[in-house]
Amino acid sequence: MAYRYKLGNKSYEKAETRAAFILLFPTIVALVFLFFIPALRVFSLSFTDTNTITNVSKFVGLANFRYLFKSQVFLKSMRNTFVFTTAKLSAEIAISLALAVMLDAKIPFRKFLRITYFAPVVVPVVASSTIWLWLYAPTFSPLNQILQFIGLQPLKWIYSADTALFSIILFSVWRGIGYDVVVFLSGLQEIPDSVIEAARVDGGNGWNIFWRVKLPLLKPVIAFVLIMGLIGSFQAFTEVDVMTPNGGPKNSTLLMVNYIYQQAFGNTKMGRGAAASLVLFAIIFFFTYLQRVMHDRMGD
């Protein structure tokens, strides 16, 4: 008889435990060295004044955090990040859900359209950002030519403090729609045909079926897209760094991750960068937890 022992309310065999430990050991080692140790290092650095060039470190307590919340540049990067995240997620989810509903129907060239919408996702961010730099060119911008053709005034796009952040949001929405379309489309196709047919028999039309049947059943998918989009938006960096280096005109596109990079590697203030990283982590954790709680309550 195999030796068994209890852990909580469950009983395990010794052989099972040994096999599980052997299989999980590489993952545990990777987590320790790639996550836990760096996280502890960032936490300890946040209480120091550490110069990345001289490698001189001095304990300063909460001075870095006090500096951050008195810094107008950091506060502006927070505001920019919240505006970027809110606008990007709102537009991206609305557009991608609408496209997924249309692609779920039997329309011509459906497979081609699915590939077309997903194509921006597989293009590297640096490459797609460079292409959009050409689209945003102030003199021969194709986008400005379109605006002039329909009788509107051309914009300065990323070269003006008034439109730079909007331009970054526009690019990010274009790039992120494809992934969300695929996720929403898979969720729509998981809805049983019998449910849709039953709704039609009860007199529901396309609009009513979407709002009263499909959308409620898509709540878990929407929650997943929202959480992943929230985390991704707060971590946005490359597109801003490529298209508007140093935060753009008057720091209009400076996001929190760009600020962290500037402090840690541009200004050689690793302590401030680490402190800003912890603030960013706390914000992401809070909103992710809040969204999860709201989702659980709606599910009940």
Protein backbone atom coordinates (compact mmCIF):
# COMPACT_ATOMS: atom_id res chain seq x y z
CA MET A 1 0.00 0.00 0.00
CA ALA A 2 1.38 3.39 -1.05
CA TYR A 3 2.25 5.81 1.71
CA ARG A 4 -0.25 8.72 1.86
CA TYR A 5 -0.34 11.90 3.87
CA LYS A 6 -2.81 14.75 4.27
CA LEU A 7 -2.29 18.36 3.25
CA GLY A 8 -5.31 20.40 4.19
CA ASN A 9 -8.43 18.50 3.17
CA LYS A 10 -6.72 16.46 0.48
CA SER A 11 -4.72 13.26 0.59
CA TYR A 12 -1.64 12.66 -1.56
CA GLU A 13 0.63 9.74 -2.30
CA LYS A 14 4.33 10.20 -1.65
CA ALA A 15 5.19 9.14 -5.21
CA GLU A 16 2.78 11.71 -6.63
CA THR A 17 4.33 14.46 -4.54
CA ARG A 18 7.86 13.49 -5.57
CA ALA A 19 6.89 13.48 -9.27
CA ALA A 20 5.13 16.84 -8.94
CA PHE A 21 8.17 18.38 -7.23
CA ILE A 22 10.54 17.11 -9.94
CA LEU A 23 8.32 18.47 -12.71
CA LEU A 24 7.78 21.82 -10.99
CA PHE A 25 11.39 22.33 -9.89
CA PRO A 26 12.60 24.03 -13.12
CA THR A 27 9.62 26.41 -13.02
CA ILE A 28 10.23 27.18 -9.34
CA VAL A 29 13.90 27.93 -10.01
CA ALA A 30 12.96 30.17 -12.94
CA LEU A 31 10.41 32.06 -10.82
CA VAL A 32 12.90 32.56 -8.00
CA PHE A 33 15.71 33.91 -10.21
CA LEU A 34 13.60 35.74 -12.82
CA PHE A 35 10.84 37.16 -10.61
CA PHE A 36 11.22 36.96 -6.83
CA ILE A 37 14.88 37.98 -6.55
CA PRO A 38 14.53 40.88 -9.06
CA ALA A 39 11.31 41.99 -7.30
CA LEU A 40 13.09 42.04 -3.93
CA ARG A 41 15.99 43.91 -5.52
CA VAL A 42 13.66 46.57 -6.94
CA PHE A 43 11.95 46.89 -3.55
CA SER A 44 15.27 47.41 -1.78
CA LEU A 45 16.53 49.86 -4.44
CA SER A 46 13.44 52.04 -4.03
CA PHE A 47 14.69 53.11 -0.58
CA THR A 48 18.16 54.09 -1.83
CA ASP A 49 19.84 56.75 -3.89
CA THR A 50 21.69 54.52 -6.35
CA ASN A 51 23.72 55.87 -9.27
CA THR A 52 23.85 53.41 -12.18
CA ILE A 53 27.21 54.75 -13.40
CA THR A 54 29.21 54.96 -10.19
CA ASN A 55 27.23 52.14 -8.53
CA VAL A 56 27.26 54.18 -5.32
CA SER A 57 24.20 53.48 -3.19
CA LYS A 58 22.94 55.34 -0.11
CA PHE A 59 19.86 54.57 1.98
CA VAL A 60 17.36 57.47 1.83
CA GLY A 61 14.18 55.89 3.19
CA LEU A 62 10.97 57.26 1.64
CA ALA A 63 12.71 60.21 -0.05
CA ASN A 64 12.25 58.74 -3.53
CA PHE A 65 8.50 58.35 -3.03
CA ARG A 66 8.19 61.90 -1.67
CA TYR A 67 10.10 63.17 -4.69
CA LEU A 68 7.80 61.32 -7.10
CA PHE A 69 4.56 62.70 -5.71
CA LYS A 70 5.97 66.23 -5.68
CA SER A 71 7.32 65.93 -9.22
CA GLN A 72 5.07 67.53 -11.85
CA VAL A 73 6.70 65.39 -14.52
CA PHE A 74 5.86 62.14 -12.73
CA LEU A 75 2.30 63.29 -11.99
CA LYS A 76 1.89 64.19 -15.64
CA SER A 77 3.15 60.76 -16.67
CA MET A 78 0.48 59.25 -14.38
CA ARG A 79 -2.24 61.40 -15.92
CA ASN A 80 -1.05 60.53 -19.43
CA THR A 81 -1.06 56.83 -18.54
CA PHE A 82 -4.62 56.95 -17.19
CA VAL A 83 -5.86 58.89 -20.23
CA PHE A 84 -4.02 56.53 -22.59
CA THR A 85 -5.36 53.42 -20.84
CA THR A 86 -8.96 54.63 -20.61
CA ALA A 87 -9.18 55.85 -24.21
CA LYS A 88 -7.32 52.89 -25.67
CA LEU A 89 -9.35 50.23 -23.85
CA SER A 90 -12.70 51.93 -24.52
CA ALA A 91 -12.09 52.31 -28.25
CA GLU A 92 -10.31 48.98 -28.66
CA ILE A 93 -12.96 46.86 -26.93
CA ALA A 94 -15.87 48.61 -28.65
CA ILE A 95 -14.36 48.36 -32.14
CA SER A 96 -13.00 44.83 -31.76
CA LEU A 97 -16.31 43.53 -30.35
CA ALA A 98 -18.22 45.08 -33.25
CA LEU A 99 -15.79 43.58 -35.77
CA ALA A 100 -15.97 40.17 -34.06
CA VAL A 101 -19.78 40.18 -34.27
CA MET A 102 -19.61 41.00 -37.97
CA LEU A 103 -16.94 38.37 -38.64
CA ASP A 104 -19.03 35.80 -36.77
CA ALA A 105 -21.75 36.22 -39.38
CA LYS A 106 -21.58 34.65 -42.82
CA ILE A 107 -20.08 37.46 -44.86
CA PRO A 108 -17.92 37.39 -48.02
CA PHE A 109 -14.12 37.17 -47.56
CA ARG A 110 -14.52 36.33 -43.86
CA LYS A 111 -11.21 34.40 -43.60
CA PHE A 112 -9.31 37.12 -45.44
CA LEU A 113 -10.73 39.81 -43.13
CA ARG A 114 -9.76 37.81 -40.02
CA ILE A 115 -6.16 37.62 -41.24
CA THR A 116 -6.17 41.31 -42.17
CA TYR A 117 -7.35 42.45 -38.74
CA PHE A 118 -4.82 40.22 -36.96
CA ALA A 119 -1.84 41.20 -39.16
CA PRO A 120 -0.80 44.30 -37.11
CA VAL A 121 -0.39 42.09 -34.02
CA VAL A 122 2.39 39.98 -35.56
CA VAL A 123 4.32 42.99 -36.91
CA PRO A 124 7.06 44.09 -34.44
CA VAL A 125 6.18 47.27 -32.56
CA VAL A 126 9.32 49.07 -33.77
CA ALA A 127 8.55 48.28 -37.41
CA SER A 128 4.89 49.32 -37.20
CA SER A 129 5.82 52.47 -35.24
CA THR A 130 8.27 53.44 -37.98
CA ILE A 131 5.55 53.00 -40.61
CA TRP A 132 3.21 55.22 -38.63
CA LEU A 133 5.93 57.86 -38.33
CA TRP A 134 5.63 58.18 -42.11
CA LEU A 135 1.83 58.37 -41.83
CA TYR A 136 2.22 61.15 -39.27
CA ALA A 137 4.81 63.12 -41.26
CA PRO A 138 3.95 66.85 -40.97
CA THR A 139 4.50 67.75 -44.65
CA PHE A 140 3.54 64.77 -46.84
CA SER A 141 1.42 62.83 -44.33
CA PRO A 142 -1.08 60.52 -46.07
CA LEU A 143 -3.45 61.07 -43.14
CA ASN A 144 -3.32 64.84 -43.64
CA GLN A 145 -3.97 64.39 -47.33
CA ILE A 146 -7.12 62.45 -46.45
CA LEU A 147 -8.21 65.17 -44.01
CA GLN A 148 -7.67 67.87 -46.64
CA PHE A 149 -9.57 65.81 -49.22
CA ILE A 150 -12.66 65.74 -47.00
CA GLY A 151 -12.33 69.45 -46.22
CA LEU A 152 -10.68 69.33 -42.77
CA GLN A 153 -7.56 71.08 -41.54
CA PRO A 154 -4.34 69.00 -41.40
CA LEU A 155 -2.98 68.05 -37.97
CA LYS A 156 0.54 68.07 -36.58
CA TRP A 157 -0.11 64.64 -35.03
CA ILE A 158 2.87 63.56 -32.88
CA TYR A 159 4.62 66.90 -33.36
CA SER A 160 2.10 68.90 -31.33
CA ALA A 161 1.43 68.69 -27.60
CA ASP A 162 -2.31 68.90 -28.32
CA THR A 163 -2.49 65.84 -30.59
CA ALA A 164 0.58 63.74 -29.72
CA LEU A 165 -1.08 61.52 -27.11
CA PHE A 166 -4.15 61.09 -29.32
CA SER A 167 -1.82 59.96 -32.13
CA ILE A 168 -0.20 57.33 -29.88
CA ILE A 169 -3.64 56.12 -28.78
CA LEU A 170 -4.76 55.84 -32.41
CA PHE A 171 -1.73 53.72 -33.26
CA SER A 172 -2.15 51.50 -30.18
CA VAL A 173 -5.82 50.88 -30.92
CA TRP A 174 -4.99 49.93 -34.52
CA ARG A 175 -2.32 47.53 -33.32
CA GLY A 176 -4.35 45.93 -30.52
CA ILE A 177 -7.69 45.38 -32.27
CA GLY A 178 -6.61 42.17 -34.03
CA TYR A 179 -5.84 40.27 -30.82
CA ASP A 180 -9.13 41.30 -29.20
CA VAL A 181 -11.08 40.39 -32.34
CA VAL A 182 -9.69 36.85 -32.22
CA VAL A 183 -10.53 36.48 -28.52
CA PHE A 184 -14.06 37.85 -28.92
CA LEU A 185 -14.61 35.76 -32.03
CA SER A 186 -13.62 32.58 -30.19
CA GLY A 187 -16.02 33.54 -27.38
CA LEU A 188 -18.87 34.11 -29.82
CA GLN A 189 -18.27 30.79 -31.53
CA GLU A 190 -18.41 29.02 -28.16
CA ILE A 191 -22.03 30.13 -27.70
CA PRO A 192 -24.24 27.10 -28.57
CA ASP A 193 -26.35 27.46 -31.70
CA SER A 194 -29.30 26.07 -29.75
CA VAL A 195 -29.26 29.15 -27.49
CA ILE A 196 -29.35 31.51 -30.47
CA GLU A 197 -32.09 29.51 -32.17
CA ALA A 198 -34.15 29.52 -28.98
CA ALA A 199 -33.83 33.31 -28.81
CA ARG A 200 -34.98 33.60 -32.44
CA VAL A 201 -37.97 31.35 -31.76
CA ASP A 202 -38.93 33.64 -28.87
CA GLY A 203 -39.07 36.53 -31.32
CA GLY A 204 -35.64 38.06 -30.85
CA ASN A 205 -33.97 39.91 -33.72
CA GLY A 206 -30.25 40.38 -34.31
CA TRP A 207 -29.91 43.43 -32.04
CA ASN A 208 -31.92 41.95 -29.17
CA ILE A 209 -30.07 38.62 -29.41
CA PHE A 210 -26.76 40.43 -29.16
CA TRP A 211 -27.70 42.54 -26.12
CA ARG A 212 -29.75 39.95 -24.22
CA VAL A 213 -28.01 36.69 -25.14
CA LYS A 214 -24.54 37.07 -26.64
CA LEU A 215 -23.23 39.99 -24.57
CA PRO A 216 -24.12 38.47 -21.16
CA LEU A 217 -22.50 35.18 -22.20
CA LEU A 218 -19.38 37.09 -23.27
CA LYS A 219 -18.81 38.59 -19.79
CA PRO A 220 -15.89 36.24 -18.92
CA VAL A 221 -14.25 37.00 -22.29
CA ILE A 222 -14.73 40.74 -21.85
CA ALA A 223 -13.23 40.50 -18.35
CA PHE A 224 -10.19 38.67 -19.74
CA VAL A 225 -9.70 41.22 -22.53
CA LEU A 226 -10.11 44.07 -20.04
CA ILE A 227 -7.54 42.67 -17.60
CA MET A 228 -4.97 41.90 -20.30
CA GLY A 229 -5.58 45.26 -21.97
CA LEU A 230 -5.26 47.08 -18.65
CA ILE A 231 -1.92 45.46 -17.86
CA GLY A 232 -0.64 45.97 -21.40
CA SER A 233 -1.69 49.64 -21.51
CA PHE A 234 0.02 50.46 -18.22
CA GLN A 235 3.18 48.78 -19.53
CA ALA A 236 3.20 50.57 -22.92
CA PHE A 237 6.68 51.81 -23.77
CA THR A 238 8.09 51.00 -27.20
CA GLU A 239 5.64 52.93 -29.38
CA VAL A 240 6.10 56.07 -27.28
CA ASP A 241 9.88 55.72 -27.24
CA VAL A 242 10.09 55.22 -31.02
CA MET A 243 7.50 57.75 -32.19
CA THR A 244 7.94 60.47 -29.56
CA PRO A 245 11.37 60.14 -27.87
CA ASN A 246 11.83 61.82 -24.48
CA GLY A 247 8.11 62.03 -23.86
CA GLY A 248 7.14 64.06 -26.92
CA PRO A 249 6.33 67.80 -27.00
CA LYS A 250 6.04 69.16 -23.45
CA ASN A 251 6.00 65.57 -22.09
CA SER A 252 2.56 65.14 -23.67
CA THR A 253 3.15 61.43 -24.37
CA LEU A 254 5.30 60.59 -21.36
CA LEU A 255 3.89 57.41 -19.80
CA MET A 256 4.90 55.88 -16.48
CA VAL A 257 7.12 53.19 -17.99
CA ASN A 258 8.93 55.83 -20.07
CA TYR A 259 9.41 57.91 -16.92
CA ILE A 260 10.83 54.89 -15.11
CA TYR A 261 13.28 54.28 -17.96
CA GLN A 262 14.31 57.95 -18.02
CA GLN A 263 15.01 58.03 -14.29
CA ALA A 264 16.78 54.68 -14.04
CA PHE A 265 18.91 54.82 -17.19
CA GLY A 266 18.71 58.39 -18.54
CA ASN A 267 19.23 60.24 -15.25
CA THR A 268 21.12 57.32 -13.61
CA LYS A 269 18.69 57.45 -10.65
CA MET A 270 17.97 53.78 -10.17
CA GLY A 271 16.34 54.36 -6.78
CA ARG A 272 13.76 56.75 -8.22
CA GLY A 273 13.12 54.39 -11.11
CA ALA A 274 12.58 51.51 -8.68
CA ALA A 275 10.22 53.61 -6.56
CA ALA A 276 8.21 54.57 -9.65
CA SER A 277 8.10 50.88 -10.62
CA LEU A 278 6.53 50.01 -7.27
CA VAL A 279 3.94 52.77 -7.71
CA LEU A 280 3.11 51.39 -11.15
CA PHE A 281 2.87 47.86 -9.75
CA ALA A 282 0.49 49.04 -7.01
CA ILE A 283 -1.75 50.78 -9.57
CA ILE A 284 -1.90 47.72 -11.85
CA PHE A 285 -2.56 45.42 -8.90
CA PHE A 286 -5.33 47.67 -7.56
CA PHE A 287 -7.21 47.98 -10.85
CA THR A 288 -6.79 44.29 -11.68
CA TYR A 289 -8.13 43.31 -8.25
CA LEU A 290 -10.98 45.84 -8.51
CA GLN A 291 -11.97 44.57 -11.94
CA ARG A 292 -11.86 41.00 -10.68
CA VAL A 293 -14.12 41.81 -7.71
CA MET A 294 -16.61 43.61 -9.95
CA HIS A 295 -16.61 40.67 -12.37
CA ASP A 296 -17.27 38.19 -9.56
CA ARG A 297 -20.16 40.31 -8.26
CA MET A 298 -21.71 40.59 -11.73
CA GLY A 299 -21.30 36.82 -12.11
CA ASP A 300 -23.23 36.25 -8.89
